[in-house]
């Protein structure tokens, strides 16, 4: 299976939605862990990269497109 390409500032869709009702997240930090900010309620979470890659559904907006 091909790995999905994602980068800092991208807006991604996750498999499970946040309790606020949205499943769109913005990547605000990358490393061994990924920090995401919910696009609905602005809550941020830090999850391990492996878990993030597993639960990533698709990249909605690439960072280059935002600029």
C-alpha atoms as a PDB file:
ATOM      1  CA  UNK A   1       0.000   0.000   0.000  1.00  0.00           C
ATOM      2  CA  UNK A   2       1.256   3.473  -0.891  1.00  0.00           C
ATOM      3  CA  UNK A   3       1.945   5.901   1.960  1.00  0.00           C
ATOM      4  CA  UNK A   4      -0.048   9.109   1.866  1.00  0.00           C
ATOM      5  CA  UNK A   5       1.927  12.332   1.417  1.00  0.00           C
ATOM      6  CA  UNK A   6       1.226  15.001   4.019  1.00  0.00           C
ATOM      7  CA  UNK A   7       3.082  18.029   5.330  1.00  0.00           C
ATOM      8  CA  UNK A   8       3.038  20.844   7.817  1.00  0.00           C
ATOM      9  CA  UNK A   9      -0.023  23.058   7.409  1.00  0.00           C
ATOM     10  CA  UNK A  10      -2.097  20.487   5.495  1.00  0.00           C
ATOM     11  CA  UNK A  11      -5.760  19.970   6.355  1.00  0.00           C
ATOM     12  CA  UNK A  12      -6.509  16.243   6.644  1.00  0.00           C
ATOM     13  CA  UNK A  13      -9.556  14.054   7.165  1.00  0.00           C
ATOM     14  CA  UNK A  14      -9.332  11.357   9.832  1.00  0.00           C
ATOM     15  CA  UNK A  15     -11.328   8.100  10.007  1.00  0.00           C
ATOM     16  CA  UNK A  16     -12.969   8.941  13.342  1.00  0.00           C
ATOM     17  CA  UNK A  17     -14.507  12.303  14.052  1.00  0.00           C
ATOM     18  CA  UNK A  18     -13.805  14.564  17.018  1.00  0.00           C
ATOM     19  CA  UNK A  19     -16.522  14.811  19.712  1.00  0.00           C
ATOM     20  CA  UNK A  20     -17.357  18.313  18.399  1.00  0.00           C
ATOM     21  CA  UNK A  21     -18.637  16.675  15.190  1.00  0.00           C
ATOM     22  CA  UNK A  22     -15.908  17.344  12.601  1.00  0.00           C
ATOM     23  CA  UNK A  23     -13.173  15.051  11.268  1.00  0.00           C
ATOM     24  CA  UNK A  24     -11.055  17.780   9.636  1.00  0.00           C
ATOM     25  CA  UNK A  25      -7.712  18.552  11.275  1.00  0.00           C
ATOM     26  CA  UNK A  26      -4.790  20.873  10.467  1.00  0.00           C
ATOM     27  CA  UNK A  27      -1.226  19.585  10.982  1.00  0.00           C
ATOM     28  CA  UNK A  28       0.588  22.140  13.151  1.00  0.00           C
ATOM     29  CA  UNK A  29       3.682  20.125  14.222  1.00  0.00           C
ATOM     30  CA  UNK A  30       5.547  17.178  12.741  1.00  0.00           C
ATOM     31  CA  UNK A  31       8.222  14.890  14.128  1.00  0.00           C
ATOM     32  CA  UNK A  32       8.024  11.508  15.849  1.00  0.00           C
ATOM     33  CA  UNK A  33       4.638  12.778  17.041  1.00  0.00           C
ATOM     34  CA  UNK A  34       2.104  14.778  15.049  1.00  0.00           C
ATOM     35  CA  UNK A  35       0.196  17.707  16.599  1.00  0.00           C
ATOM     36  CA  UNK A  36      -3.206  18.330  15.066  1.00  0.00           C
ATOM     37  CA  UNK A  37      -5.667  21.183  15.551  1.00  0.00           C
ATOM     38  CA  UNK A  38      -9.382  20.479  15.155  1.00  0.00           C
ATOM     39  CA  UNK A  39     -10.922  22.710  12.507  1.00  0.00           C
ATOM     40  CA  UNK A  40     -14.236  22.754  14.392  1.00  0.00           C
ATOM     41  CA  UNK A  41     -13.403  23.659  17.990  1.00  0.00           C
ATOM     42  CA  UNK A  42      -9.655  24.552  17.746  1.00  0.00           C
ATOM     43  CA  UNK A  43      -8.682  21.786  20.240  1.00  0.00           C
ATOM     44  CA  UNK A  44      -5.183  20.390  19.636  1.00  0.00           C
ATOM     45  CA  UNK A  45      -3.985  16.825  20.191  1.00  0.00           C
ATOM     46  CA  UNK A  46      -0.579  15.138  19.995  1.00  0.00           C
ATOM     47  CA  UNK A  47      -0.503  11.588  18.613  1.00  0.00           C
ATOM     48  CA  UNK A  48       2.320   9.240  17.571  1.00  0.00           C
ATOM     49  CA  UNK A  49       3.140   9.314  13.841  1.00  0.00           C
ATOM     50  CA  UNK A  50       2.358   5.607  13.388  1.00  0.00           C
ATOM     51  CA  UNK A  51      -1.143   6.020  14.863  1.00  0.00           C
ATOM     52  CA  UNK A  52      -1.689   9.173  12.768  1.00  0.00           C
ATOM     53  CA  UNK A  53      -0.703   7.435   9.508  1.00  0.00           C
ATOM     54  CA  UNK A  54      -3.017   4.547  10.372  1.00  0.00           C
ATOM     55  CA  UNK A  55      -6.047   6.753  11.051  1.00  0.00           C
ATOM     56  CA  UNK A  56      -5.475   9.246   8.191  1.00  0.00           C
ATOM     57  CA  UNK A  57      -8.214   8.978   5.583  1.00  0.00           C
ATOM     58  CA  UNK A  58      -7.114  11.611   3.045  1.00  0.00           C
ATOM     59  CA  UNK A  59      -5.455  14.998   2.638  1.00  0.00           C
ATOM     60  CA  UNK A  60      -8.113  17.609   1.881  1.00  0.00           C
ATOM     61  CA  UNK A  61      -5.971  20.736   1.359  1.00  0.00           C
ATOM     62  CA  UNK A  62      -2.199  20.844   0.854  1.00  0.00           C
ATOM     63  CA  UNK A  63      -0.336  23.720   2.529  1.00  0.00           C
ATOM     64  CA  UNK A  64       0.968  25.084  -0.802  1.00  0.00           C
ATOM     65  CA  UNK A  65      -2.620  25.639  -1.979  1.00  0.00           C
ATOM     66  CA  UNK A  66      -3.393  27.814   1.075  1.00  0.00           C
ATOM     67  CA  UNK A  67      -0.672  30.372   0.314  1.00  0.00           C
END
